[in-house]
Amino acid sequence: MTRYTAVALYLGCVACLGALGQRRWVEAAPGADAHALSIPSVRKGQADSLGAWMDETEDLLTSSDPFRLSHSQPSVAYDPATDGAPGAGALGGIAPMYRPAMTLKGIVGGPPWQAMIDGLPGQPPGTVVRTGGTYDRLTIRSVTRDSVIVKGPDTTWVLSFRRRP
């Protein structure tokens, strides 16, 4: 078979398949009428009002009391007049947290450094402290050649020398 014969045979097959496809296209029965198709309506959900939902949520929140571990009312009513007063409320006699005014007076020695601090609770002025020392509820975390870090229950102080103006 020559090259021209193969091409002619190929084109003939393409023409026959094209004619067959056209005939099937024209004779094909139309499907359902496009206008006859419809989308069924969606059933509407139950009409709840926002107010009813908010009432249910409020009842749930007030019954579970999420802000108290015991899920019950407190034994003592809140009184803003005594808020923060010593011996008031749940503290029941524990002294309130204090903020001592500490001043770094000097650093002595060499590694390991020691510092003289005024204002440590329960200590005389000029108390010599070292790293790891504990004074009341304050702990000396570190003493370096120019600063002292003092750690309290809820605050950390970095004491350093004042600069001259």
Foldseek 3Di string as FASTA:
>chain_A
DDPVVVVVVVVVVVVVVVVVVVVCVVPPDDDDDPVPDDDDDDDDDDDDDPVVVVVVVVVVCLQQVVVDPVSDDDPDDDDVVCVPPACDDPVRHDHDDDDWDKAWDAWDDAVVIWTFMAGQPPDHHRDIDGQQDDGDQKHFHGDHRFWTWIDGPPDIDIHGDDDDD
